[in-house]
Amino acid sequence: MTAAAFLELSIQITLGMILLGLAVAFIRLAIGPTLADRVVALDMMTISIIAFCGVYAMAVDDPSFLDVAIVLALVGFLATVALARYAERRFERESGSDKTKEEGHD
């Protein structure tokens, strides 16, 4: 087996494993059950797509896909931070309403 054939086989296996991870993350995103599960699944999907772009750039020998991966990484980071902030505010709102019930205020 030559080095080029081994690299091609490795790339194909890697792309398949990334797609399998993407499918598993999508299932977790769909069934949840909590918001935290969905946020982590969405983040995993973003990272899987970034990895796919990097490996695909190697497969087709075109570095322009790396630019796509960098932009997606930045957008994915901002989306994760925004979803974490939303979850934090939602938790504070829910726990704040529980405290009012405990104190006897309706």
PDB file of N, CA and C in Angstrom:
ATOM      1  N   MET A   1       0.851  -1.174   0.000  1.00  0.00           N
ATOM      2  CA  MET A   1       0.000   0.000   0.000  1.00  0.00           C
ATOM      3  C   MET A   1       0.899   1.240   0.000  1.00  0.00           C
ATOM      4  N   THR A   2       0.635   2.118  -0.933  1.00  0.00           N
ATOM      5  CA  THR A   2       1.436   3.326  -1.028  1.00  0.00           C
ATOM      6  C   THR A   2       0.958   4.364  -0.024  1.00  0.00           C
ATOM      7  N   ALA A   3       1.757   5.382   0.170  1.00  0.00           N
ATOM      8  CA  ALA A   3       1.406   6.443   1.110  1.00  0.00           C
ATOM      9  C   ALA A   3       0.152   7.195   0.649  1.00  0.00           C
ATOM     10  N   ALA A   4       0.022   7.413  -0.655  1.00  0.00           N
ATOM     11  CA  ALA A   4      -1.154   8.127  -1.172  1.00  0.00           C
ATOM     12  C   ALA A   4      -2.426   7.309  -0.968  1.00  0.00           C
ATOM     13  N   ALA A   5      -2.342   6.008  -1.170  1.00  0.00           N
ATOM     14  CA  ALA A   5      -3.510   5.152  -0.968  1.00  0.00           C
ATOM     15  C   ALA A   5      -3.884   5.094   0.508  1.00  0.00           C
ATOM     16  N   PHE A   6      -2.872   5.033   1.371  1.00  0.00           N
ATOM     17  CA  PHE A   6      -3.143   5.013   2.802  1.00  0.00           C
ATOM     18  C   PHE A   6      -3.783   6.322   3.259  1.00  0.00           C
ATOM     19  N   LEU A   7      -3.295   7.450   2.740  1.00  0.00           N
ATOM     20  CA  LEU A   7      -3.883   8.740   3.085  1.00  0.00           C
ATOM     21  C   LEU A   7      -5.327   8.819   2.610  1.00  0.00           C
ATOM     22  N   GLU A   8      -5.594   8.335   1.403  1.00  0.00           N
ATOM     23  CA  GLU A   8      -6.967   8.350   0.873  1.00  0.00           C
ATOM     24  C   GLU A   8      -7.896   7.494   1.732  1.00  0.00           C
ATOM     25  N   LEU A   9      -7.435   6.316   2.122  1.00  0.00           N
ATOM     26  CA  LEU A   9      -8.229   5.446   2.979  1.00  0.00           C
ATOM     27  C   LEU A   9      -8.473   6.098   4.343  1.00  0.00           C
ATOM     28  N   SER A  10      -7.454   6.708   4.899  1.00  0.00           N
ATOM     29  CA  SER A  10      -7.587   7.376   6.199  1.00  0.00           C
ATOM     30  C   SER A  10      -8.578   8.534   6.131  1.00  0.00           C
ATOM     31  N   ILE A  11      -8.540   9.287   5.062  1.00  0.00           N
ATOM     32  CA  ILE A  11      -9.467  10.413   4.888  1.00  0.00           C
ATOM     33  C   ILE A  11     -10.898   9.907   4.777  1.00  0.00           C
ATOM     34  N   GLN A  12     -11.113   8.834   4.014  1.00  0.00           N
ATOM     35  CA  GLN A  12     -12.454   8.283   3.866  1.00  0.00           C
ATOM     36  C   GLN A  12     -13.007   7.769   5.200  1.00  0.00           C
ATOM     37  N   ILE A  13     -12.161   7.073   5.954  1.00  0.00           N
ATOM     38  CA  ILE A  13     -12.588   6.571   7.259  1.00  0.00           C
ATOM     39  C   ILE A  13     -12.897   7.736   8.202  1.00  0.00           C
ATOM     40  N   THR A  14     -12.052   8.755   8.189  1.00  0.00           N
ATOM     41  CA  THR A  14     -12.253   9.921   9.051  1.00  0.00           C
ATOM     42  C   THR A  14     -13.544  10.650   8.702  1.00  0.00           C
ATOM     43  N   LEU A  15     -13.810  10.841   7.424  1.00  0.00           N
ATOM     44  CA  LEU A  15     -15.059  11.497   7.015  1.00  0.00           C
ATOM     45  C   LEU A  15     -16.272  10.687   7.465  1.00  0.00           C
ATOM     46  N   GLY A  16     -16.193   9.377   7.362  1.00  0.00           N
ATOM     47  CA  GLY A  16     -17.289   8.534   7.814  1.00  0.00           C
ATOM     48  C   GLY A  16     -17.511   8.639   9.316  1.00  0.00           C
ATOM     49  N   MET A  17     -16.435   8.669  10.089  1.00  0.00           N
ATOM     50  CA  MET A  17     -16.563   8.776  11.540  1.00  0.00           C
ATOM     51  C   MET A  17     -17.108  10.142  11.952  1.00  0.00           C
ATOM     52  N   ILE A  18     -16.705  11.179  11.242  1.00  0.00           N
ATOM     53  CA  ILE A  18     -17.230  12.515  11.539  1.00  0.00           C
ATOM     54  C   ILE A  18     -18.725  12.563  11.248  1.00  0.00           C
ATOM     55  N   LEU A  19     -19.136  11.980  10.128  1.00  0.00           N
ATOM     56  CA  LEU A  19     -20.562  11.957   9.798  1.00  0.00           C
ATOM     57  C   LEU A  19     -21.354  11.131  10.805  1.00  0.00           C
ATOM     58  N   LEU A  20     -20.771  10.052  11.312  1.00  0.00           N
ATOM     59  CA  LEU A  20     -21.435   9.257  12.343  1.00  0.00           C
ATOM     60  C   LEU A  20     -21.614  10.075  13.628  1.00  0.00           C
ATOM     61  N   GLY A  21     -20.568  10.806  14.016  1.00  0.00           N
ATOM     62  CA  GLY A  21     -20.674  11.680  15.186  1.00  0.00           C
ATOM     63  C   GLY A  21     -21.697  12.783  14.991  1.00  0.00           C
ATOM     64  N   LEU A  22     -21.782  13.301  13.793  1.00  0.00           N
ATOM     65  CA  LEU A  22     -22.766  14.329  13.471  1.00  0.00           C
ATOM     66  C   LEU A  22     -24.187  13.769  13.585  1.00  0.00           C
ATOM     67  N   ALA A  23     -24.384  12.542  13.137  1.00  0.00           N
ATOM     68  CA  ALA A  23     -25.705  11.915  13.227  1.00  0.00           C
ATOM     69  C   ALA A  23     -26.095  11.680  14.691  1.00  0.00           C
ATOM     70  N   VAL A  24     -25.163  11.222  15.505  1.00  0.00           N
ATOM     71  CA  VAL A  24     -25.440  10.988  16.923  1.00  0.00           C
ATOM     72  C   VAL A  24     -25.774  12.304  17.628  1.00  0.00           C
ATOM     73  N   ALA A  25     -25.031  13.351  17.301  1.00  0.00           N
ATOM     74  CA  ALA A  25     -25.309  14.658  17.901  1.00  0.00           C
ATOM     75  C   ALA A  25     -26.673  15.183  17.469  1.00  0.00           C
ATOM     76  N   PHE A  26     -27.048  14.930  16.222  1.00  0.00           N
ATOM     77  CA  PHE A  26     -28.366  15.363  15.752  1.00  0.00           C
ATOM     78  C   PHE A  26     -29.483  14.635  16.499  1.00  0.00           C
ATOM     79  N   ILE A  27     -29.273  13.355  16.768  1.00  0.00           N
ATOM     80  CA  ILE A  27     -30.280  12.607  17.539  1.00  0.00           C
ATOM     81  C   ILE A  27     -30.415  13.212  18.932  1.00  0.00           C
ATOM     82  N   ARG A  28     -29.289  13.536  19.575  1.00  0.00           N
ATOM     83  CA  ARG A  28     -29.337  14.155  20.912  1.00  0.00           C
ATOM     84  C   ARG A  28     -30.010  15.519  20.839  1.00  0.00           C
ATOM     85  N   LEU A  29     -29.753  16.256  19.782  1.00  0.00           N
ATOM     86  CA  LEU A  29     -30.398  17.557  19.612  1.00  0.00           C
ATOM     87  C   LEU A  29     -31.910  17.401  19.474  1.00  0.00           C
ATOM     88  N   ALA A  30     -32.331  16.374  18.778  1.00  0.00           N
ATOM     89  CA  ALA A  30     -33.764  16.182  18.532  1.00  0.00           C
ATOM     90  C   ALA A  30     -34.508  15.694  19.775  1.00  0.00           C
ATOM     91  N   ILE A  31     -33.910  14.763  20.538  1.00  0.00           N
ATOM     92  CA  ILE A  31     -34.654  14.187  21.656  1.00  0.00           C
ATOM     93  C   ILE A  31     -34.379  14.857  22.993  1.00  0.00           C
ATOM     94  N   GLY A  32     -33.364  15.676  23.063  1.00  0.00           N
ATOM     95  CA  GLY A  32     -33.115  16.452  24.288  1.00  0.00           C
ATOM     96  C   GLY A  32     -32.574  15.627  25.425  1.00  0.00           C
ATOM     97  N   PRO A  33     -33.178  15.559  26.554  1.00  0.00           N
ATOM     98  CA  PRO A  33     -34.460  16.129  26.973  1.00  0.00           C
ATOM     99  C   PRO A  33     -34.341  17.545  27.532  1.00  0.00           C
ATOM    100  N   THR A  34     -33.147  17.970  27.931  1.00  0.00           N
ATOM    101  CA  THR A  34     -33.037  19.298  28.536  1.00  0.00           C
ATOM    102  C   THR A  34     -32.412  20.280  27.555  1.00  0.00           C
ATOM    103  N   LEU A  35     -32.497  21.550  27.914  1.00  0.00           N
ATOM    104  CA  LEU A  35     -31.886  22.589  27.092  1.00  0.00           C
ATOM    105  C   LEU A  35     -30.367  22.434  27.057  1.00  0.00           C
ATOM    106  N   ALA A  36     -29.777  22.047  28.169  1.00  0.00           N
ATOM    107  CA  ALA A  36     -28.319  21.861  28.215  1.00  0.00           C
ATOM    108  C   ALA A  36     -27.882  20.755  27.256  1.00  0.00           C
ATOM    109  N   ASP A  37     -28.655  19.669  27.176  1.00  0.00           N
ATOM    110  CA  ASP A  37     -28.338  18.595  26.223  1.00  0.00           C
ATOM    111  C   ASP A  37     -28.368  19.111  24.794  1.00  0.00           C
ATOM    112  N   ARG A  38     -29.354  19.923  24.503  1.00  0.00           N
ATOM    113  CA  ARG A  38     -29.475  20.449  23.137  1.00  0.00           C
ATOM    114  C   ARG A  38     -28.347  21.427  22.802  1.00  0.00           C
ATOM    115  N   VAL A  39     -27.943  22.239  23.763  1.00  0.00           N
ATOM    116  CA  VAL A  39     -26.853  23.192  23.527  1.00  0.00           C
ATOM    117  C   VAL A  39     -25.547  22.447  23.286  1.00  0.00           C
ATOM    118  N   VAL A  40     -25.271  21.431  24.086  1.00  0.00           N
ATOM    119  CA  VAL A  40     -24.044  20.651  23.912  1.00  0.00           C
ATOM    120  C   VAL A  40     -24.075  19.903  22.585  1.00  0.00           C
ATOM    121  N   ALA A  41     -25.233  19.365  22.211  1.00  0.00           N
ATOM    122  CA  ALA A  41     -25.349  18.662  20.931  1.00  0.00           C
ATOM    123  C   ALA A  41     -25.129  19.615  19.761  1.00  0.00           C
ATOM    124  N   LEU A  42     -25.667  20.813  19.854  1.00  0.00           N
ATOM    125  CA  LEU A  42     -25.468  21.798  18.794  1.00  0.00           C
ATOM    126  C   LEU A  42     -24.002  22.192  18.686  1.00  0.00           C
ATOM    127  N   ASP A  43     -23.340  22.334  19.822  1.00  0.00           N
ATOM    128  CA  ASP A  43     -21.914  22.660  19.819  1.00  0.00           C
ATOM    129  C   ASP A  43     -21.104  21.505  19.222  1.00  0.00           C
ATOM    130  N   MET A  44     -21.478  20.282  19.548  1.00  0.00           N
ATOM    131  CA  MET A  44     -20.782  19.135  18.976  1.00  0.00           C
ATOM    132  C   MET A  44     -20.987  19.054  17.467  1.00  0.00           C
ATOM    133  N   MET A  45     -22.184  19.393  17.019  1.00  0.00           N
ATOM    134  CA  MET A  45     -22.439  19.391  15.579  1.00  0.00           C
ATOM    135  C   MET A  45     -21.590  20.447  14.877  1.00  0.00           C
ATOM    136  N   THR A  46     -21.462  21.599  15.501  1.00  0.00           N
ATOM    137  CA  THR A  46     -20.639  22.652  14.919  1.00  0.00           C
ATOM    138  C   THR A  46     -19.188  22.200  14.810  1.00  0.00           C
ATOM    139  N   ILE A  47     -18.670  21.599  15.873  1.00  0.00           N
ATOM    140  CA  ILE A  47     -17.289  21.124  15.858  1.00  0.00           C
ATOM    141  C   ILE A  47     -17.112  20.013  14.831  1.00  0.00           C
ATOM    142  N   SER A  48     -18.101  19.144  14.686  1.00  0.00           N
ATOM    143  CA  SER A  48     -18.021  18.075  13.694  1.00  0.00           C
ATOM    144  C   SER A  48     -17.988  18.646  12.274  1.00  0.00           C
ATOM    145  N   ILE A  49     -18.782  19.662  12.031  1.00  0.00           N
ATOM    146  CA  ILE A  49     -18.791  20.274  10.695  1.00  0.00           C
ATOM    147  C   ILE A  49     -17.469  20.981  10.426  1.00  0.00           C
ATOM    148  N   ILE A  50     -16.889  21.601  11.444  1.00  0.00           N
ATOM    149  CA  ILE A  50     -15.576  22.235  11.290  1.00  0.00           C
ATOM    150  C   ILE A  50     -14.522  21.177  10.956  1.00  0.00           C
ATOM    151  N   ALA A  51     -14.563  20.055  11.677  1.00  0.00           N
ATOM    152  CA  ALA A  51     -13.621  18.966  11.397  1.00  0.00           C
ATOM    153  C   ALA A  51     -13.833  18.416   9.984  1.00  0.00           C
ATOM    154  N   PHE A  52     -15.089  18.293   9.583  1.00  0.00           N
ATOM    155  CA  PHE A  52     -15.390  17.814   8.228  1.00  0.00           C
ATOM    156  C   PHE A  52     -14.788  18.752   7.186  1.00  0.00           C
ATOM    157  N   CYS A  53     -14.933  20.056   7.400  1.00  0.00           N
ATOM    158  CA  CYS A  53     -14.365  21.030   6.453  1.00  0.00           C
ATOM    159  C   CYS A  53     -12.847  20.880   6.362  1.00  0.00           C
ATOM    160  N   GLY A  54     -12.191  20.675   7.511  1.00  0.00           N
ATOM    161  CA  GLY A  54     -10.740  20.519   7.509  1.00  0.00           C
ATOM    162  C   GLY A  54     -10.288  19.261   6.798  1.00  0.00           C
ATOM    163  N   VAL A  55     -10.958  18.156   7.061  1.00  0.00           N
ATOM    164  CA  VAL A  55     -10.583  16.894   6.414  1.00  0.00           C
ATOM    165  C   VAL A  55     -10.936  16.931   4.926  1.00  0.00           C
ATOM    166  N   TYR A  56     -12.061  17.532   4.598  1.00  0.00           N
ATOM    167  CA  TYR A  56     -12.444  17.632   3.188  1.00  0.00           C
ATOM    168  C   TYR A  56     -11.470  18.526   2.424  1.00  0.00           C
ATOM    169  N   ALA A  57     -10.959  19.562   3.083  1.00  0.00           N
ATOM    170  CA  ALA A  57      -9.955  20.417   2.443  1.00  0.00           C
ATOM    171  C   ALA A  57      -8.708  19.609   2.100  1.00  0.00           C
ATOM    172  N   MET A  58      -8.347  18.673   2.988  1.00  0.00           N
ATOM    173  CA  MET A  58      -7.211  17.802   2.684  1.00  0.00           C
ATOM    174  C   MET A  58      -7.553  16.837   1.551  1.00  0.00           C
ATOM    175  N   ALA A  59      -8.781  16.341   1.541  1.00  0.00           N
ATOM    176  CA  ALA A  59      -9.179  15.343   0.536  1.00  0.00           C
ATOM    177  C   ALA A  59      -9.155  15.918  -0.872  1.00  0.00           C
ATOM    178  N   VAL A  60      -9.640  17.139  -1.039  1.00  0.00           N
ATOM    179  CA  VAL A  60      -9.699  17.739  -2.379  1.00  0.00           C
ATOM    180  C   VAL A  60      -8.526  18.658  -2.654  1.00  0.00           C
ATOM    181  N   ASP A  61      -7.632  18.781  -1.666  1.00  0.00           N
ATOM    182  CA  ASP A  61      -6.437  19.615  -1.792  1.00  0.00           C
ATOM    183  C   ASP A  61      -6.789  21.064  -2.162  1.00  0.00           C
ATOM    184  N   ASP A  62      -7.765  21.601  -1.410  1.00  0.00           N
ATOM    185  CA  ASP A  62      -8.215  22.976  -1.623  1.00  0.00           C
ATOM    186  C   ASP A  62      -8.294  23.681  -0.270  1.00  0.00           C
ATOM    187  N   PRO A  63      -7.363  24.571   0.023  1.00  0.00           N
ATOM    188  CA  PRO A  63      -7.345  25.214   1.347  1.00  0.00           C
ATOM    189  C   PRO A  63      -8.455  26.236   1.580  1.00  0.00           C
ATOM    190  N   SER A  64      -9.254  26.534   0.574  1.00  0.00           N
ATOM    191  CA  SER A  64     -10.323  27.519   0.782  1.00  0.00           C
ATOM    192  C   SER A  64     -11.379  27.008   1.758  1.00  0.00           C
ATOM    193  N   PHE A  65     -11.506  25.694   1.914  1.00  0.00           N
ATOM    194  CA  PHE A  65     -12.455  25.144   2.881  1.00  0.00           C
ATOM    195  C   PHE A  65     -12.022  25.437   4.317  1.00  0.00           C
ATOM    196  N   LEU A  66     -10.732  25.709   4.522  1.00  0.00           N
ATOM    197  CA  LEU A  66     -10.255  26.061   5.860  1.00  0.00           C
ATOM    198  C   LEU A  66     -10.782  27.433   6.276  1.00  0.00           C
ATOM    199  N   ASP A  67     -10.955  28.330   5.314  1.00  0.00           N
ATOM    200  CA  ASP A  67     -11.552  29.629   5.622  1.00  0.00           C
ATOM    201  C   ASP A  67     -12.992  29.457   6.101  1.00  0.00           C
ATOM    202  N   VAL A  68     -13.709  28.558   5.461  1.00  0.00           N
ATOM    203  CA  VAL A  68     -15.078  28.258   5.873  1.00  0.00           C
ATOM    204  C   VAL A  68     -15.079  27.711   7.301  1.00  0.00           C
ATOM    205  N   ALA A  69     -14.131  26.837   7.593  1.00  0.00           N
ATOM    206  CA  ALA A  69     -14.048  26.248   8.933  1.00  0.00           C
ATOM    207  C   ALA A  69     -13.754  27.307   9.986  1.00  0.00           C
ATOM    208  N   ILE A  70     -12.895  28.259   9.678  1.00  0.00           N
ATOM    209  CA  ILE A  70     -12.571  29.322  10.643  1.00  0.00           C
ATOM    210  C   ILE A  70     -13.787  30.199  10.910  1.00  0.00           C
ATOM    211  N   VAL A  71     -14.486  30.577   9.859  1.00  0.00           N
ATOM    212  CA  VAL A  71     -15.684  31.404  10.033  1.00  0.00           C
ATOM    213  C   VAL A  71     -16.745  30.640  10.822  1.00  0.00           C
ATOM    214  N   LEU A  72     -16.927  29.370  10.512  1.00  0.00           N
ATOM    215  CA  LEU A  72     -17.900  28.556  11.235  1.00  0.00           C
ATOM    216  C   LEU A  72     -17.517  28.403  12.704  1.00  0.00           C
ATOM    217  N   ALA A  73     -16.227  28.312  12.984  1.00  0.00           N
ATOM    218  CA  ALA A  73     -15.775  28.219  14.377  1.00  0.00           C
ATOM    219  C   ALA A  73     -16.114  29.491  15.144  1.00  0.00           C
ATOM    220  N   LEU A  74     -15.923  30.632  14.530  1.00  0.00           N
ATOM    221  CA  LEU A  74     -16.252  31.901  15.193  1.00  0.00           C
ATOM    222  C   LEU A  74     -17.756  32.035  15.415  1.00  0.00           C
ATOM    223  N   VAL A  75     -18.538  31.702  14.412  1.00  0.00           N
ATOM    224  CA  VAL A  75     -19.993  31.789  14.545  1.00  0.00           C
ATOM    225  C   VAL A  75     -20.491  30.778  15.577  1.00  0.00           C
ATOM    226  N   GLY A  76     -19.927  29.574  15.558  1.00  0.00           N
ATOM    227  CA  GLY A  76     -20.316  28.554  16.520  1.00  0.00           C
ATOM    228  C   GLY A  76     -19.994  28.957  17.948  1.00  0.00           C
ATOM    229  N   PHE A  77     -18.853  29.597  18.146  1.00  0.00           N
ATOM    230  CA  PHE A  77     -18.499  30.071  19.479  1.00  0.00           C
ATOM    231  C   PHE A  77     -19.494  31.122  19.962  1.00  0.00           C
ATOM    232  N   LEU A  78     -19.812  32.066  19.105  1.00  0.00           N
ATOM    233  CA  LEU A  78     -20.766  33.106  19.488  1.00  0.00           C
ATOM    234  C   LEU A  78     -22.150  32.518  19.763  1.00  0.00           C
ATOM    235  N   ALA A  79     -22.557  31.537  18.984  1.00  0.00           N
ATOM    236  CA  ALA A  79     -23.857  30.905  19.206  1.00  0.00           C
ATOM    237  C   ALA A  79     -23.879  30.164  20.540  1.00  0.00           C
ATOM    238  N   THR A  80     -22.792  29.494  20.871  1.00  0.00           N
ATOM    239  CA  THR A  80     -22.729  28.775  22.146  1.00  0.00           C
ATOM    240  C   THR A  80     -22.778  29.740  23.318  1.00  0.00           C
ATOM    241  N   VAL A  81     -22.066  30.846  23.219  1.00  0.00           N
ATOM    242  CA  VAL A  81     -22.094  31.849  24.284  1.00  0.00           C
ATOM    243  C   VAL A  81     -23.499  32.440  24.418  1.00  0.00           C
ATOM    244  N   ALA A  82     -24.151  32.723  23.302  1.00  0.00           N
ATOM    245  CA  ALA A  82     -25.498  33.288  23.359  1.00  0.00           C
ATOM    246  C   ALA A  82     -26.492  32.293  23.960  1.00  0.00           C
ATOM    247  N   LEU A  83     -26.389  31.035  23.593  1.00  0.00           N
ATOM    248  CA  LEU A  83     -27.295  30.030  24.158  1.00  0.00           C
ATOM    249  C   LEU A  83     -27.027  29.803  25.643  1.00  0.00           C
ATOM    250  N   ALA A  84     -25.770  29.864  26.044  1.00  0.00           N
ATOM    251  CA  ALA A  84     -25.453  29.722  27.468  1.00  0.00           C
ATOM    252  C   ALA A  84     -26.017  30.901  28.259  1.00  0.00           C
ATOM    253  N   ARG A  85     -25.928  32.089  27.701  1.00  0.00           N
ATOM    254  CA  ARG A  85     -26.490  33.268  28.358  1.00  0.00           C
ATOM    255  C   ARG A  85     -28.009  33.152  28.477  1.00  0.00           C
ATOM    256  N   TYR A  86     -28.655  32.666  27.408  1.00  0.00           N
ATOM    257  CA  TYR A  86     -30.104  32.461  27.437  1.00  0.00           C
ATOM    258  C   TYR A  86     -30.481  31.439  28.510  1.00  0.00           C
ATOM    259  N   ALA A  87     -29.738  30.345  28.583  1.00  0.00           N
ATOM    260  CA  ALA A  87     -30.025  29.307  29.577  1.00  0.00           C
ATOM    261  C   ALA A  87     -29.824  29.840  30.993  1.00  0.00           C
ATOM    262  N   GLU A  88     -28.797  30.670  31.169  1.00  0.00           N
ATOM    263  CA  GLU A  88     -28.551  31.253  32.493  1.00  0.00           C
ATOM    264  C   GLU A  88     -29.700  32.163  32.907  1.00  0.00           C
ATOM    265  N   ARG A  89     -30.164  33.005  32.015  1.00  0.00           N
ATOM    266  CA  ARG A  89     -31.289  33.896  32.336  1.00  0.00           C
ATOM    267  C   ARG A  89     -32.568  33.113  32.583  1.00  0.00           C
ATOM    268  N   ARG A  90     -32.770  32.065  31.818  1.00  0.00           N
ATOM    269  CA  ARG A  90     -33.956  31.235  32.006  1.00  0.00           C
ATOM    270  C   ARG A  90     -33.915  30.553  33.369  1.00  0.00           C
ATOM    271  N   PHE A  91     -32.740  30.062  33.761  1.00  0.00           N
ATOM    272  CA  PHE A  91     -32.593  29.417  35.063  1.00  0.00           C
ATOM    273  C   PHE A  91     -32.822  30.422  36.192  1.00  0.00           C
ATOM    274  N   GLU A  92     -32.273  31.630  36.043  1.00  0.00           N
ATOM    275  CA  GLU A  92     -32.467  32.658  37.070  1.00  0.00           C
ATOM    276  C   GLU A  92     -33.940  33.029  37.190  1.00  0.00           C
ATOM    277  N   ARG A  93     -34.635  33.121  36.071  1.00  0.00           N
ATOM    278  CA  ARG A  93     -36.050  33.462  36.079  1.00  0.00           C
ATOM    279  C   ARG A  93     -36.864  32.360  36.760  1.00  0.00           C
ATOM    280  N   GLU A  94     -36.558  31.103  36.447  1.00  0.00           N
ATOM    281  CA  GLU A  94     -37.288  29.990  37.054  1.00  0.00           C
ATOM    282  C   GLU A  94     -36.983  29.857  38.533  1.00  0.00           C
ATOM    283  N   SER A  95     -35.739  30.022  38.940  1.00  0.00           N
ATOM    284  CA  SER A  95     -35.397  29.901  40.352  1.00  0.00           C
ATOM    285  C   SER A  95     -35.894  31.117  41.130  1.00  0.00           C
ATOM    286  N   GLY A  96     -35.985  32.263  40.492  1.00  0.00           N
ATOM    287  CA  GLY A  96     -36.529  33.451  41.138  1.00  0.00           C
ATOM    288  C   GLY A  96     -38.003  33.299  41.436  1.00  0.00           C
ATOM    289  N   SER A  97     -38.744  32.656  40.539  1.00  0.00           N
ATOM    290  CA  SER A  97     -40.174  32.442  40.782  1.00  0.00           C
ATOM    291  C   SER A  97     -40.375  31.406  41.878  1.00  0.00           C
ATOM    292  N   ASP A  98     -39.458  30.438  42.013  1.00  0.00           N
ATOM    293  CA  ASP A  98     -39.553  29.465  43.101  1.00  0.00           C
ATOM    294  C   ASP A  98     -39.319  30.127  44.448  1.00  0.00           C
ATOM    295  N   LYS A  99     -38.389  31.076  44.502  1.00  0.00           N
ATOM    296  CA  LYS A  99     -38.108  31.769  45.760  1.00  0.00           C
ATOM    297  C   LYS A  99     -39.316  32.584  46.208  1.00  0.00           C
ATOM    298  N   THR A 100     -40.024  33.166  45.229  1.00  0.00           N
ATOM    299  CA  THR A 100     -41.204  33.977  45.604  1.00  0.00           C
ATOM    300  C   THR A 100     -42.295  33.073  46.147  1.00  0.00           C
ATOM    301  N   LYS A 101     -42.440  31.895  45.624  1.00  0.00           N
ATOM    302  CA  LYS A 101     -43.450  30.970  46.128  1.00  0.00           C
ATOM    303  C   LYS A 101     -43.105  30.505  47.552  1.00  0.00           C
ATOM    304  N   GLU A 102     -41.792  30.288  47.802  1.00  0.00           N
ATOM    305  CA  GLU A 102     -41.374  29.833  49.129  1.00  0.00           C
ATOM    306  C   GLU A 102     -41.608  30.895  50.190  1.00  0.00           C
ATOM    307  N   GLU A 103     -41.475  32.163  49.794  1.00  0.00           N
ATOM    308  CA  GLU A 103     -41.652  33.256  50.743  1.00  0.00           C
ATOM    309  C   GLU A 103     -43.124  33.574  50.970  1.00  0.00           C
ATOM    310  N   GLY A 104     -44.012  32.938  50.224  1.00  0.00           N
ATOM    311  CA  GLY A 104     -45.434  33.160  50.412  1.00  0.00           C
ATOM    312  C   GLY A 104     -46.000  34.265  49.536  1.00  0.00           C
ATOM    313  N   HIS A 105     -45.240  34.747  48.554  1.00  0.00           N
ATOM    314  CA  HIS A 105     -45.712  35.766  47.626  1.00  0.00           C
ATOM    315  C   HIS A 105     -46.204  35.097  46.371  1.00  0.00           C
ATOM    316  N   ASP A 106     -47.344  35.517  45.877  1.00  0.00           N
ATOM    317  CA  ASP A 106     -47.857  34.952  44.617  1.00  0.00           C
ATOM    318  C   ASP A 106     -47.856  35.960  43.532  1.00  0.00           C
TER     319      ASP A 106
END
